[in-house]
Each structure stands twice: as structure tokens, then as C-alpha cells.
Amino acid sequence: MFIYKTDKHRFLQKYKACLVVYGNQQAPGDLPTKATILTNIIFQTLMAITAKFNLETTQIDAINAFVYCNLNEVVYIKLPPGFNKEKENKVLYLKKALYRLQQSPLL
């Protein structure tokens, strides 16, 4: 994904790029394709129990969780279109998990 960052006057400040894996194009394997997530109903229930019994809670930021997980198998991805014309037919060897990779939520 290519993202354009602008200031409050909508003037271009910088370009950003983010590599995202298309999990639907990954070869099917024996891994489960869904990971457990905290749904809104479960979150509300946990907050109600916390309030009822006057418990303490801690918030953990896990936005970059996929970036720090080491992969335990070999995964290659193609470079996105428009990345670099000279390296158009090259592939990248992934050392760390990326968002949407089937293994990422399990790691």
C-alpha cells in the first residue's frame, strides 16, 4: 500500500509504503485461517465484571505485534507493482511476520 501523508492544509508532507501480504493467494496448508480476537461483546462483558468487582485493568498496545514475530518457515513475497521497475521480477524473503499472512496471528 502506498500512503500519502499531508498536513492540515492538505499539502504533501511525505510518502509512506506498507507491505501487506495477500493471504488468499497463499498456498492452502494445515494452519487454521482464523485467530481468536476480542469481540465487542466479550470486551463489554469483561469491563462489566471489572466494574462490578472493582478490579484493576491494564491496557496493552499490540498494534505492531505482527512486525516483531519471527517466521518459523520460509515465505517469499513478490514486490508490489510500482515499487521499483528494475527489480520488478524479484521476490522478498520474509524474516518477520506481516499482516494478513496466515501464520501471523498464530505466532
N, C-alpha and C. Protein backbone atom coordinates (compact mmCIF):
# COMPACT_ATOMS: atom_id res chain seq x y z
N MET A 1 0.85 -1.17 0.00
CA MET A 1 0.00 0.00 0.00
C MET A 1 0.89 1.23 0.00
N PHE A 2 0.52 2.20 -0.77
CA PHE A 2 1.23 3.47 -0.78
C PHE A 2 0.32 4.52 -0.16
N ILE A 3 0.85 5.27 0.79
CA ILE A 3 0.06 6.25 1.52
C ILE A 3 0.73 7.61 1.39
N TYR A 4 -0.08 8.62 1.18
CA TYR A 4 0.41 9.99 1.11
C TYR A 4 0.02 10.71 2.39
N LYS A 5 1.00 11.23 3.13
CA LYS A 5 0.74 11.96 4.36
C LYS A 5 0.72 13.46 4.07
N THR A 6 -0.35 14.12 4.51
CA THR A 6 -0.49 15.56 4.27
C THR A 6 -0.63 16.29 5.60
N ASP A 7 -0.38 17.60 5.57
CA ASP A 7 -0.59 18.40 6.77
C ASP A 7 -2.05 18.86 6.82
N LYS A 8 -2.38 19.73 7.79
CA LYS A 8 -3.77 20.15 7.96
C LYS A 8 -4.28 20.98 6.79
N HIS A 9 -3.37 21.53 5.96
CA HIS A 9 -3.76 22.30 4.78
C HIS A 9 -3.76 21.45 3.51
N ARG A 10 -3.59 20.13 3.70
CA ARG A 10 -3.60 19.14 2.62
C ARG A 10 -2.42 19.27 1.67
N PHE A 11 -1.29 19.79 2.18
CA PHE A 11 -0.05 19.82 1.41
C PHE A 11 0.73 18.55 1.70
N LEU A 12 1.28 17.95 0.67
CA LEU A 12 2.00 16.69 0.80
C LEU A 12 3.23 16.87 1.69
N GLN A 13 3.36 16.03 2.71
CA GLN A 13 4.49 16.07 3.63
C GLN A 13 5.48 14.92 3.38
N LYS A 14 4.94 13.70 3.19
CA LYS A 14 5.82 12.57 2.94
C LYS A 14 5.03 11.41 2.34
N TYR A 15 5.79 10.47 1.77
CA TYR A 15 5.23 9.25 1.22
C TYR A 15 5.52 8.12 2.19
N LYS A 16 4.58 7.18 2.32
CA LYS A 16 4.80 6.00 3.15
C LYS A 16 4.40 4.77 2.34
N ALA A 17 5.08 3.68 2.60
CA ALA A 17 4.75 2.42 1.95
C ALA A 17 4.62 1.35 3.02
N CYS A 18 3.68 0.46 2.81
CA CYS A 18 3.44 -0.61 3.76
C CYS A 18 3.27 -1.91 2.97
N LEU A 19 4.03 -2.93 3.31
CA LEU A 19 3.89 -4.22 2.66
C LEU A 19 2.80 -5.02 3.36
N VAL A 20 1.85 -5.51 2.58
CA VAL A 20 0.77 -6.32 3.10
C VAL A 20 0.71 -7.58 2.26
N VAL A 21 0.58 -8.71 2.91
CA VAL A 21 0.53 -10.00 2.22
C VAL A 21 -0.92 -10.33 1.90
N TYR A 22 -1.16 -10.81 0.68
CA TYR A 22 -2.49 -11.30 0.32
C TYR A 22 -2.60 -12.75 0.78
N GLY A 23 -3.21 -12.96 1.93
CA GLY A 23 -3.33 -14.31 2.49
C GLY A 23 -4.14 -15.25 1.61
N ASN A 24 -5.07 -14.69 0.82
CA ASN A 24 -5.88 -15.54 -0.05
C ASN A 24 -5.07 -16.10 -1.22
N GLN A 25 -3.90 -15.53 -1.50
CA GLN A 25 -3.06 -16.04 -2.58
C GLN A 25 -1.99 -17.00 -2.05
N GLN A 26 -1.97 -17.19 -0.75
CA GLN A 26 -1.02 -18.11 -0.15
C GLN A 26 -1.52 -19.53 -0.33
N ALA A 27 -0.60 -20.45 -0.56
CA ALA A 27 -0.98 -21.85 -0.76
C ALA A 27 -1.69 -22.38 0.48
N PRO A 28 -2.80 -23.09 0.29
CA PRO A 28 -3.52 -23.62 1.46
C PRO A 28 -2.66 -24.65 2.18
N GLY A 29 -2.75 -24.63 3.49
CA GLY A 29 -1.98 -25.57 4.30
C GLY A 29 -2.84 -26.11 5.42
N ASP A 30 -2.19 -26.63 6.43
CA ASP A 30 -2.92 -27.21 7.55
C ASP A 30 -3.10 -26.22 8.69
N LEU A 31 -2.78 -24.95 8.47
CA LEU A 31 -2.94 -23.94 9.52
C LEU A 31 -4.38 -23.45 9.58
N PRO A 32 -4.88 -23.18 10.79
CA PRO A 32 -6.19 -22.54 10.87
C PRO A 32 -6.11 -21.13 10.30
N THR A 33 -7.14 -20.70 9.60
CA THR A 33 -7.09 -19.40 8.94
C THR A 33 -7.65 -18.29 9.80
N LYS A 34 -8.19 -18.61 10.94
CA LYS A 34 -8.74 -17.58 11.82
C LYS A 34 -8.03 -17.62 13.16
N ALA A 35 -7.85 -16.44 13.75
CA ALA A 35 -7.26 -16.34 15.08
C ALA A 35 -8.31 -15.79 16.02
N THR A 36 -8.17 -16.10 17.27
CA THR A 36 -9.10 -15.60 18.27
C THR A 36 -8.91 -14.11 18.44
N ILE A 37 -10.01 -13.37 18.44
CA ILE A 37 -9.94 -11.93 18.65
C ILE A 37 -10.91 -11.55 19.76
N LEU A 38 -10.69 -10.40 20.31
CA LEU A 38 -11.56 -9.89 21.36
C LEU A 38 -12.71 -9.14 20.71
N THR A 39 -13.89 -9.71 20.75
CA THR A 39 -15.05 -9.05 20.14
C THR A 39 -15.62 -8.00 21.09
N ASN A 40 -16.46 -7.17 20.56
CA ASN A 40 -17.05 -6.08 21.32
C ASN A 40 -17.87 -6.60 22.50
N ILE A 41 -18.62 -7.67 22.30
CA ILE A 41 -19.46 -8.22 23.37
C ILE A 41 -18.59 -8.76 24.51
N ILE A 42 -17.53 -9.47 24.16
CA ILE A 42 -16.63 -10.00 25.19
C ILE A 42 -15.96 -8.86 25.94
N PHE A 43 -15.53 -7.82 25.21
CA PHE A 43 -14.89 -6.67 25.86
C PHE A 43 -15.86 -6.00 26.84
N GLN A 44 -17.10 -5.79 26.42
CA GLN A 44 -18.09 -5.16 27.30
C GLN A 44 -18.36 -6.02 28.54
N THR A 45 -18.40 -7.34 28.36
CA THR A 45 -18.61 -8.25 29.49
C THR A 45 -17.45 -8.17 30.47
N LEU A 46 -16.23 -8.17 29.95
CA LEU A 46 -15.05 -8.06 30.82
C LEU A 46 -15.03 -6.73 31.57
N MET A 47 -15.40 -5.65 30.91
CA MET A 47 -15.43 -4.34 31.58
C MET A 47 -16.53 -4.29 32.65
N ALA A 48 -17.65 -4.95 32.39
CA ALA A 48 -18.74 -5.00 33.38
C ALA A 48 -18.29 -5.78 34.61
N ILE A 49 -17.61 -6.91 34.42
CA ILE A 49 -17.10 -7.70 35.54
C ILE A 49 -16.06 -6.89 36.32
N THR A 50 -15.18 -6.19 35.58
CA THR A 50 -14.17 -5.35 36.22
C THR A 50 -14.81 -4.28 37.09
N ALA A 51 -15.85 -3.63 36.58
CA ALA A 51 -16.54 -2.58 37.34
C ALA A 51 -17.30 -3.17 38.52
N LYS A 52 -17.95 -4.29 38.32
CA LYS A 52 -18.76 -4.92 39.38
C LYS A 52 -17.92 -5.29 40.60
N PHE A 53 -16.74 -5.87 40.35
CA PHE A 53 -15.89 -6.34 41.44
C PHE A 53 -14.75 -5.38 41.76
N ASN A 54 -14.78 -4.18 41.19
CA ASN A 54 -13.79 -3.14 41.46
C ASN A 54 -12.36 -3.64 41.21
N LEU A 55 -12.14 -4.27 40.05
CA LEU A 55 -10.83 -4.82 39.69
C LEU A 55 -10.02 -3.78 38.93
N GLU A 56 -8.71 -3.98 38.89
CA GLU A 56 -7.83 -3.11 38.11
C GLU A 56 -7.59 -3.74 36.74
N THR A 57 -7.46 -2.89 35.72
CA THR A 57 -7.18 -3.37 34.37
C THR A 57 -5.90 -2.73 33.85
N THR A 58 -5.30 -3.38 32.88
CA THR A 58 -4.10 -2.87 32.23
C THR A 58 -4.32 -2.91 30.73
N GLN A 59 -3.94 -1.85 30.06
CA GLN A 59 -4.07 -1.78 28.60
C GLN A 59 -2.72 -2.08 27.98
N ILE A 60 -2.72 -2.92 26.95
CA ILE A 60 -1.50 -3.28 26.23
C ILE A 60 -1.68 -2.89 24.77
N ASP A 61 -0.70 -2.22 24.22
CA ASP A 61 -0.74 -1.79 22.83
C ASP A 61 -0.10 -2.88 21.97
N ALA A 62 -0.87 -3.49 21.09
CA ALA A 62 -0.36 -4.58 20.26
C ALA A 62 -0.49 -4.26 18.78
N ILE A 63 -0.38 -2.99 18.41
CA ILE A 63 -0.53 -2.59 17.01
C ILE A 63 0.55 -3.21 16.14
N ASN A 64 1.78 -3.27 16.62
CA ASN A 64 2.89 -3.77 15.82
C ASN A 64 3.25 -5.22 16.16
N ALA A 65 2.31 -5.97 16.67
CA ALA A 65 2.59 -7.34 17.10
C ALA A 65 3.10 -8.21 15.95
N PHE A 66 2.53 -8.08 14.77
CA PHE A 66 2.93 -8.93 13.65
C PHE A 66 4.35 -8.63 13.19
N VAL A 67 4.80 -7.40 13.34
CA VAL A 67 6.10 -6.99 12.84
C VAL A 67 7.24 -7.64 13.61
N TYR A 68 7.02 -7.98 14.87
CA TYR A 68 8.10 -8.48 15.70
C TYR A 68 8.16 -10.00 15.80
N CYS A 69 7.24 -10.71 15.18
CA CYS A 69 7.22 -12.17 15.25
C CYS A 69 8.15 -12.75 14.20
N ASN A 70 9.02 -13.64 14.62
CA ASN A 70 9.89 -14.34 13.67
C ASN A 70 9.10 -15.46 12.99
N LEU A 71 9.32 -15.63 11.70
CA LEU A 71 8.66 -16.72 10.97
C LEU A 71 9.44 -18.01 11.19
N ASN A 72 8.73 -19.11 11.32
CA ASN A 72 9.39 -20.39 11.53
C ASN A 72 9.40 -21.24 10.26
N GLU A 73 9.03 -20.66 9.13
CA GLU A 73 9.11 -21.35 7.85
C GLU A 73 9.48 -20.35 6.77
N VAL A 74 9.84 -20.85 5.60
CA VAL A 74 10.30 -19.99 4.50
C VAL A 74 9.08 -19.41 3.78
N VAL A 75 9.05 -18.08 3.66
CA VAL A 75 7.97 -17.39 2.95
C VAL A 75 8.58 -16.33 2.05
N TYR A 76 8.17 -16.33 0.77
CA TYR A 76 8.61 -15.32 -0.18
C TYR A 76 7.39 -14.53 -0.64
N ILE A 77 7.58 -13.24 -0.91
CA ILE A 77 6.50 -12.43 -1.49
C ILE A 77 7.05 -11.67 -2.69
N LYS A 78 6.16 -11.39 -3.65
CA LYS A 78 6.52 -10.58 -4.81
C LYS A 78 6.53 -9.11 -4.42
N LEU A 79 7.36 -8.34 -5.08
CA LEU A 79 7.34 -6.90 -4.86
C LEU A 79 6.07 -6.31 -5.44
N PRO A 80 5.49 -5.32 -4.79
CA PRO A 80 4.25 -4.72 -5.30
C PRO A 80 4.49 -3.95 -6.58
N PRO A 81 3.46 -3.81 -7.45
CA PRO A 81 3.61 -3.04 -8.67
C PRO A 81 3.95 -1.58 -8.35
N GLY A 82 4.88 -1.02 -9.11
CA GLY A 82 5.27 0.37 -8.90
C GLY A 82 6.35 0.53 -7.86
N PHE A 83 6.83 -0.54 -7.27
CA PHE A 83 7.86 -0.44 -6.22
C PHE A 83 9.19 -0.03 -6.80
N ASN A 84 9.67 -0.77 -7.79
CA ASN A 84 10.93 -0.46 -8.44
C ASN A 84 10.95 -1.19 -9.78
N LYS A 85 11.01 -0.45 -10.86
CA LYS A 85 10.96 -1.06 -12.20
C LYS A 85 12.14 -1.99 -12.45
N GLU A 86 13.32 -1.69 -11.89
CA GLU A 86 14.50 -2.53 -12.12
C GLU A 86 14.39 -3.87 -11.41
N LYS A 87 13.64 -3.92 -10.32
CA LYS A 87 13.51 -5.15 -9.53
C LYS A 87 12.12 -5.75 -9.65
N GLU A 88 11.47 -5.54 -10.78
CA GLU A 88 10.07 -5.93 -10.96
C GLU A 88 9.83 -7.42 -10.80
N ASN A 89 10.76 -8.25 -11.24
CA ASN A 89 10.57 -9.70 -11.19
C ASN A 89 11.26 -10.35 -9.99
N LYS A 90 11.63 -9.57 -9.00
CA LYS A 90 12.30 -10.08 -7.81
C LYS A 90 11.28 -10.45 -6.74
N VAL A 91 11.71 -11.24 -5.78
CA VAL A 91 10.87 -11.60 -4.63
C VAL A 91 11.61 -11.24 -3.34
N LEU A 92 10.86 -11.11 -2.27
CA LEU A 92 11.42 -10.82 -0.96
C LEU A 92 11.31 -12.04 -0.07
N TYR A 93 12.36 -12.32 0.67
CA TYR A 93 12.34 -13.39 1.67
C TYR A 93 11.93 -12.76 2.99
N LEU A 94 10.85 -13.24 3.58
CA LEU A 94 10.37 -12.67 4.83
C LEU A 94 11.04 -13.33 6.02
N LYS A 95 11.57 -12.50 6.90
CA LYS A 95 12.13 -13.00 8.16
C LYS A 95 11.14 -12.78 9.30
N LYS A 96 10.30 -11.75 9.16
CA LYS A 96 9.32 -11.40 10.18
C LYS A 96 7.92 -11.53 9.59
N ALA A 97 6.96 -11.78 10.44
CA ALA A 97 5.57 -11.93 10.00
C ALA A 97 4.99 -10.58 9.57
N LEU A 98 4.14 -10.61 8.58
CA LEU A 98 3.43 -9.42 8.12
C LEU A 98 1.94 -9.63 8.31
N TYR A 99 1.22 -8.53 8.35
CA TYR A 99 -0.23 -8.56 8.48
C TYR A 99 -0.83 -9.31 7.30
N ARG A 100 -1.82 -10.13 7.55
CA ARG A 100 -2.57 -10.94 6.59
C ARG A 100 -1.89 -12.24 6.19
N LEU A 101 -0.68 -12.50 6.65
CA LEU A 101 -0.06 -13.78 6.41
C LEU A 101 -0.78 -14.80 7.29
N GLN A 102 -1.05 -15.99 6.77
CA GLN A 102 -1.85 -16.97 7.51
C GLN A 102 -1.20 -17.34 8.84
N GLN A 103 0.12 -17.35 8.92
CA GLN A 103 0.81 -17.74 10.14
C GLN A 103 0.85 -16.62 11.18
N SER A 104 0.69 -15.38 10.77
CA SER A 104 0.91 -14.22 11.65
C SER A 104 0.10 -14.24 12.95
N PRO A 105 -1.22 -14.42 12.92
CA PRO A 105 -1.96 -14.39 14.18
C PRO A 105 -1.57 -15.52 15.12
N LEU A 106 -1.11 -16.64 14.58
CA LEU A 106 -0.76 -17.77 15.42
C LEU A 106 0.59 -17.58 16.10
N LEU A 107 1.45 -16.75 15.48
CA LEU A 107 2.77 -16.50 16.06
C LEU A 107 2.68 -15.48 17.18
